[in-house]
Amino acid sequence: MIFLPIVARELRVASRRKTTFIVRSVIALLGIVIGGFLLVVSGIMGPTGARGEMVFAVVSRYTWLIAVLAGVFLASDCLSAERREGTLGFLFLTDLKGYDVVLGKFAAVSLNAFYGMLAVFPVLALSFLAGGVTGGEFWRTCLALVNTLFFSIASALWVSALCKSSYRAMAAAVCLLAGLIALGGVASVLSRFVARLGPALFYLGTLSPLSSFQLASSASYFHRALEYWISMAIGQGVGWMFLGLASWRMTFYTEKGGNTGGWQRILARTAPGSRTCRGSELLDANPVLWLLDDSRRLRSVVWSLAVAGAATMLLTAALVNNFGAILNTSVAWPFYFLLKVLFAIQACRFFSEARRTGALELLCCTPMTMRSIISGQWMALRRFFLWPVTVLILSQLACLCFLGGSLFPGRVSASGVAIYGNIKPGAIAPPPALSFMGFYLPFLMLRQIANSIADFFALGWFGMWLALTLQKPAAATGLTILYVLILPAMVFCIPTLATDTVFIVVGASKLLVDFRGHCANWAASRRG
């Protein structure tokens, strides 16, 4: 038998697949359009020397974000899907080993993502030619992006080897990567204050895939060149460790009876004496709400993110004082983004699992109307996310009220003398720059809150529609996040509220009008 037969087969299949070439061409075209647009905008708004630097920073950051999410949405369900369908045991009836299966899946899910990343590199090279970016910075950033993609897919494969449910695997992969990134950020901050633990905190911070990407810039690499290469090496080592753990998990995999997962596991809870029988009030309110309200871990994760975000924003406002408003939107963005990712996973979950298990056909035979089915999903989403998101928004508004006294024009307090300069306490009218900041920064915070609320509605409606209509419903979550959150943010001239309105209108109208038609067409195609 040849070495790594599944890898060889996947590469042969991918070479004959049209989507391999289509994805690469589409991503290259999209990168050229976005990169060219940013070059034009930077040429109008900024100085000539900073054109390439601005485009390089924007495109590379969003490429890094997509590389992190690629593992979550491409690899987190590849091994768990085999376990749910009961096909994983057949692979081990042959001479295949655990690493054959894991590396084969790795090659299958990473090939298109790697080709797409290669298509983006010429766009980064254009920004290098425009000025403001050195050749070394370009190549180091490309290496860091490839390393991030490898790390993300390897960690998601390990999570997929541990989980059986698709949405639990996605949520666990998001939490793992977010935890490592947060760990790296905390370690880098603590290393500035605790000198004794500096080396230990540095190695702890290199576990984050963000570490090597940040050190790739010329300003950081000039003083910390060795740290960049150490971070790259540790990222590679941890990625291979995840692949090894996934292979070890596959080696000890054995079929134990039948696979009872997904909707079979949920329906099995209806047995007398089960915990779900005590939730009869949810069943009376809406059966879909009862089916989806089965994850205490997700509720714990959502509340943890909300509490951590609120504490971070309030602490920043208290410590940084008058300039805390400048950091408020930046500090709040990661927590909003993670909540939106989890929201999209949960919004796409129902139709994805119902189509996979065939429960959608049974659902259409019940007296439930399409509006009651969709309202049940929204009720479940509100039970999970409404109060945590409200806590996060109220915390941001509290920061706005706390910082408003020092930002808006008015009499200068004794503590504001250090901010305004040689002005006596009780004087009126701060400098014009600070007056402008007093109106502009609250506008940024309120706009972020409004955009976040609109994003949640857009993710819910558009994600449900994609999960119902896509040929591969497992890709609904990733495409929803790409269309609603990432692509509009890369083009700054398009208001987020405008794009969210389009997604809400399209998703809601398609769901409410063509729900039964989509179900009938899908059932006919499945039988055919």
Protein backbone atom coordinates (compact mmCIF):
# COMPACT_ATOMS: atom_id res chain seq x y z
CA MET A 1 0.00 0.00 0.00
CA ILE A 2 1.28 3.47 -0.87
CA PHE A 3 2.18 5.94 1.85
CA LEU A 4 -0.78 8.10 2.98
CA PRO A 5 -3.30 6.68 0.47
CA ILE A 6 -6.17 8.96 1.53
CA VAL A 7 -4.00 12.05 1.00
CA ALA A 8 -3.05 10.85 -2.49
CA ARG A 9 -6.69 10.13 -3.32
CA GLU A 10 -7.89 13.52 -2.08
CA LEU A 11 -5.26 15.33 -4.12
CA ARG A 12 -6.24 13.40 -7.27
CA VAL A 13 -9.92 14.13 -6.70
CA ALA A 14 -9.24 17.82 -6.07
CA SER A 15 -7.19 18.09 -9.26
CA ARG A 16 -10.23 16.94 -11.29
CA ARG A 17 -12.80 18.99 -9.40
CA LYS A 18 -14.00 22.19 -11.07
CA THR A 19 -14.56 23.94 -7.76
CA THR A 20 -10.82 23.82 -7.08
CA PHE A 21 -10.20 26.18 -9.98
CA ILE A 22 -13.40 28.19 -9.52
CA VAL A 23 -12.69 28.99 -5.85
CA ARG A 24 -9.15 30.05 -6.62
CA SER A 25 -10.26 32.33 -9.48
CA VAL A 26 -13.15 33.87 -7.53
CA ILE A 27 -10.99 34.65 -4.50
CA ALA A 28 -8.29 36.17 -6.72
CA LEU A 29 -10.87 38.33 -8.51
CA LEU A 30 -12.42 39.41 -5.22
CA GLY A 31 -9.01 40.26 -3.80
CA ILE A 32 -8.11 42.32 -6.87
CA VAL A 33 -11.38 44.27 -6.69
CA ILE A 34 -11.09 44.98 -2.96
CA GLY A 35 -7.37 45.70 -3.11
CA GLY A 36 -7.75 48.02 -6.10
CA PHE A 37 -10.61 49.86 -4.45
CA LEU A 38 -8.58 50.35 -1.27
CA LEU A 39 -5.62 51.62 -3.29
CA VAL A 40 -7.84 54.22 -4.96
CA VAL A 41 -9.40 55.27 -1.64
CA SER A 42 -6.02 55.50 0.09
CA GLY A 43 -4.67 57.58 -2.80
CA ILE A 44 -7.52 60.06 -2.38
CA MET A 45 -7.60 60.25 1.40
CA GLY A 46 -4.01 59.65 2.48
CA PRO A 47 -0.46 60.63 1.54
CA THR A 48 1.34 58.81 -1.25
CA GLY A 49 3.83 57.01 0.98
CA ALA A 50 1.09 55.45 3.11
CA ARG A 51 -1.02 54.00 0.29
CA GLY A 52 0.56 50.58 0.26
CA GLU A 53 0.83 50.44 4.03
CA MET A 54 -2.91 51.03 4.52
CA VAL A 55 -3.96 48.46 1.91
CA PHE A 56 -1.46 45.92 3.20
CA ALA A 57 -2.68 46.31 6.78
CA VAL A 58 -6.38 45.99 5.90
CA VAL A 59 -6.07 43.05 3.48
CA SER A 60 -3.59 41.12 5.65
CA ARG A 61 -5.70 41.51 8.80
CA TYR A 62 -8.88 40.29 7.16
CA THR A 63 -6.96 37.46 5.49
CA TRP A 64 -5.68 36.44 8.92
CA LEU A 65 -9.23 36.53 10.30
CA ILE A 66 -10.50 34.37 7.44
CA ALA A 67 -7.58 31.96 7.98
CA VAL A 68 -8.57 31.56 11.64
CA LEU A 69 -12.22 30.99 10.76
CA ALA A 70 -11.33 28.59 7.92
CA GLY A 71 -10.46 25.86 10.37
CA VAL A 72 -13.70 26.36 12.27
CA PHE A 73 -15.99 26.11 9.27
CA LEU A 74 -14.03 23.71 7.06
CA ALA A 75 -12.48 21.21 9.46
CA SER A 76 -14.49 21.20 12.69
CA ASP A 77 -17.14 18.83 11.33
CA CYS A 78 -15.15 16.56 9.00
CA LEU A 79 -14.35 13.76 11.50
CA SER A 80 -17.47 14.22 13.62
CA ALA A 81 -19.64 13.82 10.50
CA GLU A 82 -17.99 10.45 9.81
CA ARG A 83 -18.76 9.38 13.36
CA ARG A 84 -22.40 10.46 13.15
CA GLU A 85 -22.97 8.67 9.86
CA GLY A 86 -21.24 5.51 11.06
CA THR A 87 -18.75 5.43 8.17
CA LEU A 88 -15.61 5.93 10.23
CA GLY A 89 -15.61 2.32 11.40
CA PHE A 90 -15.48 1.05 7.82
CA LEU A 91 -12.20 2.87 7.21
CA PHE A 92 -10.54 0.94 10.03
CA LEU A 93 -11.56 -2.40 8.55
CA THR A 94 -8.69 -1.81 6.13
CA ASP A 95 -4.99 -1.36 6.86
CA LEU A 96 -5.42 2.38 7.40
CA LYS A 97 -4.00 4.00 10.52
CA GLY A 98 -5.28 6.93 12.49
CA TYR A 99 -2.81 9.36 10.93
CA ASP A 100 -3.90 8.23 7.43
CA VAL A 101 -7.47 9.33 8.14
CA VAL A 102 -6.51 12.59 9.87
CA LEU A 103 -3.96 13.68 7.26
CA GLY A 104 -6.35 12.71 4.48
CA LYS A 105 -9.05 14.91 5.96
CA PHE A 106 -6.47 17.65 6.50
CA ALA A 107 -5.52 17.56 2.81
CA ALA A 108 -9.16 17.54 1.75
CA VAL A 109 -10.27 20.56 3.77
CA SER A 110 -7.12 22.67 3.53
CA LEU A 111 -6.43 22.49 -0.20
CA ASN A 112 -9.02 25.04 -1.37
CA ALA A 113 -8.29 27.30 1.60
CA PHE A 114 -4.56 27.22 0.82
CA TYR A 115 -5.18 27.95 -2.87
CA GLY A 116 -7.43 30.85 -1.91
CA MET A 117 -4.73 32.27 0.34
CA LEU A 118 -2.16 31.98 -2.44
CA ALA A 119 -4.52 33.96 -4.66
CA VAL A 120 -4.57 36.80 -2.12
CA PHE A 121 -0.77 37.12 -1.92
CA PRO A 122 -0.43 38.98 -5.28
CA VAL A 123 -2.85 41.61 -3.91
CA LEU A 124 -0.56 42.05 -0.92
CA ALA A 125 2.34 42.32 -3.36
CA LEU A 126 0.56 45.20 -5.14
CA SER A 127 0.44 47.11 -1.87
CA PHE A 128 4.15 46.36 -1.47
CA LEU A 129 4.81 48.00 -4.85
CA ALA A 130 2.67 51.01 -3.89
CA GLY A 131 5.09 51.91 -1.11
CA GLY A 132 5.18 51.86 2.66
CA VAL A 133 5.82 48.10 2.94
CA THR A 134 9.18 46.35 2.76
CA GLY A 135 9.85 43.10 0.97
CA GLY A 136 10.79 41.35 4.18
CA GLU A 137 7.53 42.39 5.82
CA PHE A 138 5.58 41.01 2.85
CA TRP A 139 7.21 37.57 2.97
CA ARG A 140 7.08 37.33 6.77
CA THR A 141 3.38 38.18 6.73
CA CYS A 142 2.72 35.54 4.06
CA LEU A 143 4.51 32.92 6.16
CA ALA A 144 2.55 33.96 9.25
CA LEU A 145 -0.76 33.70 7.34
CA VAL A 146 0.05 30.20 6.08
CA ASN A 147 1.12 29.20 9.58
CA THR A 148 -2.16 30.56 10.98
CA LEU A 149 -4.19 28.55 8.45
CA PHE A 150 -2.31 25.38 9.35
CA PHE A 151 -2.75 25.99 13.07
CA SER A 152 -6.47 26.70 12.73
CA ILE A 153 -7.23 23.59 10.66
CA ALA A 154 -5.11 21.35 12.90
CA SER A 155 -6.81 22.54 16.09
CA ALA A 156 -10.28 22.18 14.50
CA LEU A 157 -9.44 18.61 13.43
CA TRP A 158 -8.56 17.73 17.00
CA VAL A 159 -11.86 19.18 18.23
CA SER A 160 -13.70 17.27 15.49
CA ALA A 161 -12.11 14.03 16.69
CA LEU A 162 -13.52 14.64 20.18
CA CYS A 163 -17.07 15.76 19.30
CA LYS A 164 -19.93 14.09 17.50
CA SER A 165 -22.41 16.96 17.10
CA SER A 166 -21.61 19.41 14.30
CA TYR A 167 -22.66 22.60 16.08
CA ARG A 168 -20.89 21.56 19.29
CA ALA A 169 -17.71 20.94 17.30
CA MET A 170 -17.95 24.41 15.70
CA ALA A 171 -18.62 26.10 19.04
CA ALA A 172 -15.75 24.19 20.69
CA ALA A 173 -13.35 25.15 17.87
CA VAL A 174 -14.36 28.81 18.19
CA CYS A 175 -13.82 28.70 21.96
CA LEU A 176 -10.43 26.96 21.59
CA LEU A 177 -9.05 29.46 19.08
CA ALA A 178 -10.55 32.46 20.89
CA GLY A 179 -9.10 31.19 24.18
CA LEU A 180 -5.62 30.80 22.70
CA ILE A 181 -5.77 34.26 21.13
CA ALA A 182 -6.98 35.79 24.40
CA LEU A 183 -4.29 33.89 26.31
CA GLY A 184 -1.64 35.34 24.03
CA GLY A 185 -3.00 38.86 24.50
CA VAL A 186 -3.11 38.55 28.29
CA ALA A 187 0.41 37.09 28.39
CA SER A 188 1.82 39.92 26.25
CA VAL A 189 0.21 42.54 28.51
CA LEU A 190 1.40 40.87 31.73
CA SER A 191 4.95 40.51 30.42
CA ARG A 192 5.26 44.31 30.46
CA PHE A 193 4.49 44.49 34.18
CA VAL A 194 6.00 41.26 35.56
CA ALA A 195 9.65 41.21 34.55
CA ARG A 196 10.49 37.95 36.31
CA LEU A 197 7.94 35.97 34.33
CA GLY A 198 8.83 37.63 31.04
CA PRO A 199 10.31 34.55 29.26
CA ALA A 200 7.57 32.22 30.52
CA LEU A 201 4.84 34.66 29.49
CA PHE A 202 6.44 35.07 26.08
CA TYR A 203 6.35 31.33 25.37
CA LEU A 204 2.80 31.22 26.69
CA GLY A 205 1.85 34.06 24.34
CA THR A 206 3.30 32.25 21.31
CA LEU A 207 0.52 29.66 21.63
CA SER A 208 -1.71 32.30 20.02
CA PRO A 209 -1.76 32.34 16.18
CA LEU A 210 -1.84 36.15 16.44
CA SER A 211 1.67 36.33 17.89
CA SER A 212 3.67 35.59 14.72
CA PHE A 213 1.36 37.78 12.62
CA GLN A 214 1.94 40.80 14.87
CA LEU A 215 5.70 40.25 14.94
CA ALA A 216 5.90 40.11 11.13
CA SER A 217 5.72 43.91 10.72
CA SER A 218 8.97 45.74 10.11
CA ALA A 219 8.70 47.81 13.28
CA SER A 220 8.34 44.71 15.49
CA TYR A 221 10.74 42.47 13.56
CA PHE A 222 13.60 45.00 13.76
CA HIS A 223 13.82 44.59 17.54
CA ARG A 224 12.27 41.11 17.97
CA ALA A 225 13.44 39.05 15.00
CA LEU A 226 14.27 35.98 17.08
CA GLU A 227 10.89 36.09 18.79
CA TYR A 228 9.15 36.00 15.40
CA TRP A 229 10.88 32.79 14.35
CA ILE A 230 10.37 31.22 17.76
CA SER A 231 6.66 32.02 17.51
CA MET A 232 6.50 30.46 14.05
CA ALA A 233 8.27 27.32 15.28
CA ILE A 234 6.02 26.96 18.33
CA GLY A 235 2.91 27.47 16.18
CA GLN A 236 4.06 24.69 13.87
CA GLY A 237 4.85 22.43 16.82
CA VAL A 238 1.48 22.98 18.48
CA GLY A 239 -0.31 22.41 15.16
CA TRP A 240 1.44 19.08 14.63
CA MET A 241 0.66 18.21 18.24
CA PHE A 242 -3.06 18.74 17.52
CA LEU A 243 -2.79 16.50 14.46
CA GLY A 244 -1.02 13.87 16.54
CA LEU A 245 -3.71 13.99 19.23
CA ALA A 246 -6.42 13.66 16.58
CA SER A 247 -4.59 10.66 15.07
CA TRP A 248 -4.27 9.08 18.51
CA ARG A 249 -7.99 9.62 19.07
CA MET A 250 -8.78 7.93 15.75
CA THR A 251 -6.50 5.02 16.60
CA PHE A 252 -8.55 4.21 19.70
CA TYR A 253 -11.90 4.81 17.99
CA THR A 254 -14.28 1.85 18.20
CA GLU A 255 -17.91 1.53 17.29
CA LYS A 256 -19.98 1.00 20.43
CA GLY A 257 -23.44 -0.02 19.34
CA GLY A 258 -25.42 2.40 17.22
CA ASN A 259 -24.70 6.06 16.86
CA THR A 260 -27.42 8.00 18.64
CA GLY A 261 -26.66 11.60 17.90
CA GLY A 262 -28.29 14.72 16.62
CA TRP A 263 -32.06 14.53 16.47
CA GLN A 264 -32.10 10.86 17.53
CA ARG A 265 -30.43 11.86 20.77
CA ILE A 266 -32.84 14.74 21.23
CA LEU A 267 -35.90 12.62 20.56
CA ALA A 268 -34.58 9.96 22.92
CA ARG A 269 -34.97 12.45 25.75
CA THR A 270 -38.73 12.11 25.50
CA ALA A 271 -38.52 8.84 27.42
CA PRO A 272 -40.24 8.87 30.83
CA GLY A 273 -37.99 10.17 33.58
CA SER A 274 -35.66 12.05 31.27
CA ARG A 275 -34.61 15.61 32.05
CA THR A 276 -36.29 17.06 28.98
CA CYS A 277 -39.73 15.89 30.08
CA ARG A 278 -39.57 18.55 32.77
CA GLY A 279 -39.40 21.20 30.06
CA SER A 280 -42.96 20.62 28.98
CA GLU A 281 -43.68 24.34 29.13
CA LEU A 282 -41.19 24.85 26.28
CA LEU A 283 -42.87 22.09 24.30
CA ASP A 284 -46.24 23.73 24.82
CA ALA A 285 -44.88 27.11 23.78
CA ASN A 286 -43.18 25.88 20.59
CA PRO A 287 -41.81 22.42 19.67
CA VAL A 288 -38.87 23.94 17.77
CA LEU A 289 -37.94 25.94 20.87
CA TRP A 290 -38.00 22.73 22.89
CA LEU A 291 -35.75 20.96 20.37
CA LEU A 292 -33.17 23.75 20.29
CA ASP A 293 -33.06 24.52 24.01
CA ASP A 294 -30.69 21.67 24.84
CA SER A 295 -27.27 23.26 25.35
CA ARG A 296 -26.28 24.56 28.76
CA ARG A 297 -22.66 24.80 27.67
CA LEU A 298 -23.47 27.30 24.95
CA ARG A 299 -25.40 29.42 27.42
CA SER A 300 -22.42 29.35 29.80
CA VAL A 301 -20.01 30.34 27.04
CA VAL A 302 -22.23 33.21 25.87
CA TRP A 303 -22.62 34.57 29.40
CA SER A 304 -18.87 34.23 30.02
CA LEU A 305 -18.13 36.29 26.90
CA ALA A 306 -20.66 38.94 27.90
CA VAL A 307 -19.36 39.24 31.46
CA ALA A 308 -15.73 39.28 30.31
CA GLY A 309 -16.49 41.96 27.72
CA ALA A 310 -18.40 44.11 30.20
CA ALA A 311 -15.63 43.83 32.80
CA THR A 312 -12.93 44.63 30.23
CA MET A 313 -14.74 47.73 28.96
CA LEU A 314 -15.51 49.05 32.44
CA LEU A 315 -11.94 48.39 33.61
CA THR A 316 -10.54 50.16 30.54
CA ALA A 317 -12.78 53.17 31.11
CA ALA A 318 -11.77 53.36 34.78
CA LEU A 319 -8.01 52.96 34.29
CA VAL A 320 -7.46 54.92 31.09
CA ASN A 321 -9.94 57.61 32.19
CA ASN A 322 -10.50 60.32 29.58
CA PHE A 323 -8.94 58.43 26.69
CA GLY A 324 -10.84 55.24 27.45
CA ALA A 325 -13.49 56.17 24.87
CA ILE A 326 -10.85 55.90 22.16
CA LEU A 327 -10.18 52.28 23.15
CA ASN A 328 -13.78 51.37 23.94
CA THR A 329 -14.86 50.40 20.43
CA SER A 330 -11.65 48.44 19.86
CA VAL A 331 -11.99 46.59 23.17
CA ALA A 332 -15.66 45.76 22.58
CA TRP A 333 -15.22 44.52 18.99
CA PRO A 334 -13.74 41.03 19.75
CA PHE A 335 -16.53 40.20 22.21
CA TYR A 336 -19.23 41.35 19.81
CA PHE A 337 -17.62 39.36 17.00
CA LEU A 338 -17.39 36.13 19.00
CA LEU A 339 -21.02 36.45 20.09
CA LYS A 340 -22.02 36.97 16.46
CA VAL A 341 -20.10 33.85 15.40
CA LEU A 342 -21.83 31.74 18.05
CA PHE A 343 -25.16 33.33 17.07
CA ALA A 344 -24.63 32.37 13.42
CA ILE A 345 -23.76 28.78 14.39
CA GLN A 346 -26.94 28.46 16.43
CA ALA A 347 -29.09 30.18 13.77
CA CYS A 348 -27.99 27.75 11.04
CA ARG A 349 -28.14 24.69 13.26
CA PHE A 350 -31.82 23.72 13.04
CA PHE A 351 -32.27 23.52 9.27
CA SER A 352 -28.79 22.01 8.77
CA GLU A 353 -29.44 19.12 11.16
CA ALA A 354 -33.06 18.69 10.05
CA ARG A 355 -31.98 18.35 6.42
CA ARG A 356 -29.17 15.97 7.27
CA THR A 357 -31.33 13.60 9.33
CA GLY A 358 -34.47 13.82 7.18
CA ALA A 359 -36.49 15.45 9.97
CA LEU A 360 -37.41 18.30 7.65
CA GLU A 361 -39.75 16.06 5.66
CA LEU A 362 -41.46 14.94 8.86
CA LEU A 363 -41.72 18.53 10.02
CA CYS A 364 -43.58 19.54 6.87
CA CYS A 365 -46.17 16.81 7.58
CA THR A 366 -47.10 18.33 10.96
CA PRO A 367 -49.75 21.04 11.51
CA MET A 368 -47.01 23.55 12.31
CA THR A 369 -46.92 26.56 10.03
CA MET A 370 -43.78 28.06 8.61
CA ARG A 371 -44.18 31.12 10.82
CA SER A 372 -44.35 28.99 13.98
CA ILE A 373 -41.23 27.06 12.95
CA ILE A 374 -39.25 30.23 12.30
CA SER A 375 -40.60 31.95 15.42
CA GLY A 376 -39.51 28.93 17.47
CA GLN A 377 -35.96 29.41 16.24
CA TRP A 378 -36.04 33.10 17.11
CA MET A 379 -37.39 32.26 20.57
CA ALA A 380 -34.46 29.88 21.10
CA LEU A 381 -31.98 32.49 19.91
CA ARG A 382 -33.45 35.07 22.28
CA ARG A 383 -33.18 32.64 25.22
CA PHE A 384 -29.48 32.17 24.49
CA PHE A 385 -28.32 35.64 23.42
CA LEU A 386 -30.77 38.39 24.39
CA TRP A 387 -29.66 39.10 27.96
CA PRO A 388 -25.91 38.54 27.42
CA VAL A 389 -25.92 40.96 24.48
CA THR A 390 -28.01 43.40 26.53
CA VAL A 391 -25.42 43.27 29.33
CA LEU A 392 -22.65 44.02 26.84
CA ILE A 393 -24.56 46.95 25.32
CA LEU A 394 -25.48 48.41 28.72
CA SER A 395 -21.85 48.19 29.80
CA GLN A 396 -20.78 50.11 26.73
CA LEU A 397 -23.44 52.75 27.38
CA ALA A 398 -22.26 52.97 30.99
CA CYS A 399 -18.74 53.63 29.72
CA LEU A 400 -20.14 56.34 27.46
CA CYS A 401 -21.87 58.03 30.41
CA PHE A 402 -18.75 57.67 32.57
CA LEU A 403 -16.52 59.23 29.94
CA GLY A 404 -19.00 61.81 28.68
CA GLY A 405 -18.23 64.40 31.34
CA SER A 406 -14.62 64.70 30.26
CA LEU A 407 -15.21 64.55 26.52
CA PHE A 408 -18.11 66.96 26.00
CA PRO A 409 -17.51 70.73 26.21
CA GLY A 410 -18.03 72.24 29.61
CA ARG A 411 -16.20 73.40 32.67
CA VAL A 412 -12.83 71.79 33.28
CA SER A 413 -12.52 69.84 36.50
CA ALA A 414 -9.40 69.59 38.61
CA SER A 415 -8.62 66.16 37.15
CA GLY A 416 -8.97 67.55 33.64
CA VAL A 417 -6.14 70.06 33.97
CA ALA A 418 -3.62 67.40 33.04
CA ILE A 419 -5.63 66.60 29.94
CA TYR A 420 -6.31 70.12 28.70
CA GLY A 421 -3.00 71.70 29.59
CA ASN A 422 -2.47 74.98 31.43
CA ILE A 423 -6.17 75.68 32.07
CA LYS A 424 -7.47 76.56 35.50
CA PRO A 425 -10.24 74.46 37.05
CA GLY A 426 -13.63 75.97 36.31
CA ALA A 427 -12.63 77.37 32.92
CA ILE A 428 -15.01 76.96 29.98
CA ALA A 429 -14.52 75.51 26.50
CA PRO A 430 -11.83 72.89 25.96
CA PRO A 431 -9.63 72.96 22.87
CA PRO A 432 -11.42 72.44 19.51
CA ALA A 433 -9.78 69.04 18.92
CA LEU A 434 -11.12 67.70 22.21
CA SER A 435 -14.54 69.21 21.49
CA PHE A 436 -14.62 67.34 18.18
CA MET A 437 -13.55 64.17 19.98
CA GLY A 438 -16.33 64.66 22.50
CA PHE A 439 -18.93 64.38 19.74
CA TYR A 440 -17.19 61.95 17.39
CA LEU A 441 -16.23 59.18 19.84
CA PRO A 442 -19.75 58.77 21.30
CA PHE A 443 -20.98 58.62 17.71
CA LEU A 444 -18.55 55.74 17.05
CA MET A 445 -19.74 53.86 20.12
CA LEU A 446 -23.43 54.32 19.30
CA ARG A 447 -22.81 53.32 15.70
CA GLN A 448 -21.05 50.16 16.85
CA ILE A 449 -24.04 49.26 19.03
CA ALA A 450 -26.52 49.89 16.20
CA ASN A 451 -24.42 47.92 13.71
CA SER A 452 -24.11 45.02 16.15
CA ILE A 453 -27.87 44.83 16.70
CA ALA A 454 -28.46 44.89 12.93
CA ASP A 455 -25.78 42.21 12.44
CA PHE A 456 -27.58 39.85 14.81
CA PHE A 457 -30.84 40.17 12.88
CA ALA A 458 -29.04 39.78 9.55
CA LEU A 459 -27.16 36.70 10.75
CA GLY A 460 -30.38 35.12 11.97
CA TRP A 461 -32.54 35.65 8.88
CA PHE A 462 -29.84 35.16 6.26
CA GLY A 463 -28.29 32.18 8.06
CA MET A 464 -31.64 30.36 8.30
CA TRP A 465 -32.27 30.93 4.61
CA LEU A 466 -28.82 29.65 3.58
CA ALA A 467 -29.13 26.59 5.83
CA LEU A 468 -32.45 25.78 4.17
CA THR A 469 -31.45 26.36 0.54
CA LEU A 470 -27.75 25.51 0.16
CA GLN A 471 -26.85 22.22 -1.45
CA LYS A 472 -24.34 21.69 1.37
CA PRO A 473 -26.04 23.00 4.53
CA ALA A 474 -22.86 22.49 6.56
CA ALA A 475 -21.36 25.47 4.70
CA ALA A 476 -24.21 27.80 5.71
CA THR A 477 -22.55 29.09 8.87
CA GLY A 478 -19.26 29.97 7.22
CA LEU A 479 -20.89 31.67 4.24
CA THR A 480 -23.23 33.62 6.52
CA ILE A 481 -20.32 35.03 8.52
CA LEU A 482 -18.37 35.75 5.34
CA TYR A 483 -21.22 37.62 3.64
CA VAL A 484 -22.65 39.47 6.65
CA LEU A 485 -19.59 40.27 8.79
CA ILE A 486 -16.36 40.08 6.79
CA LEU A 487 -16.95 41.22 3.21
CA PRO A 488 -18.93 44.41 4.08
CA ALA A 489 -16.29 45.37 6.64
CA MET A 490 -13.51 45.14 4.04
CA VAL A 491 -15.17 47.78 1.85
CA PHE A 492 -15.48 50.84 4.08
CA CYS A 493 -17.63 52.92 1.71
CA ILE A 494 -20.62 50.55 2.16
CA PRO A 495 -22.54 51.27 5.40
CA THR A 496 -23.00 48.16 7.50
CA LEU A 497 -26.61 49.06 8.26
CA ALA A 498 -27.36 49.13 4.53
CA THR A 499 -25.92 45.67 3.90
CA ASP A 500 -27.64 44.28 7.00
CA THR A 501 -30.96 45.63 5.76
CA VAL A 502 -30.45 43.83 2.44
CA PHE A 503 -29.62 40.54 4.17
CA ILE A 504 -32.61 40.85 6.52
CA VAL A 505 -35.04 41.59 3.69
CA VAL A 506 -33.70 38.81 1.48
CA GLY A 507 -33.62 36.19 4.23
CA ALA A 508 -36.99 37.04 5.74
CA SER A 509 -38.83 37.29 2.42
CA LYS A 510 -37.37 34.06 1.06
CA LEU A 511 -38.06 32.12 4.25
CA LEU A 512 -41.63 33.28 4.73
CA VAL A 513 -42.64 32.96 1.08
CA ASP A 514 -40.80 29.91 -0.24
CA PHE A 515 -40.40 27.77 2.89
CA ARG A 516 -42.64 24.88 1.82
CA GLY A 517 -41.38 25.09 -1.75
CA HIS A 518 -37.75 24.77 -0.63
CA CYS A 519 -38.64 21.81 1.58
CA ALA A 520 -40.51 20.05 -1.23
CA ASN A 521 -37.71 20.62 -3.75
CA TRP A 522 -35.09 19.42 -1.32
CA ALA A 523 -37.08 16.30 -0.43
CA ALA A 524 -37.61 15.49 -4.13
CA SER A 525 -33.90 15.93 -4.89
CA ARG A 526 -33.00 13.72 -1.93
CA ARG A 527 -35.33 10.94 -3.07
CA GLY A 528 -34.03 11.27 -6.62
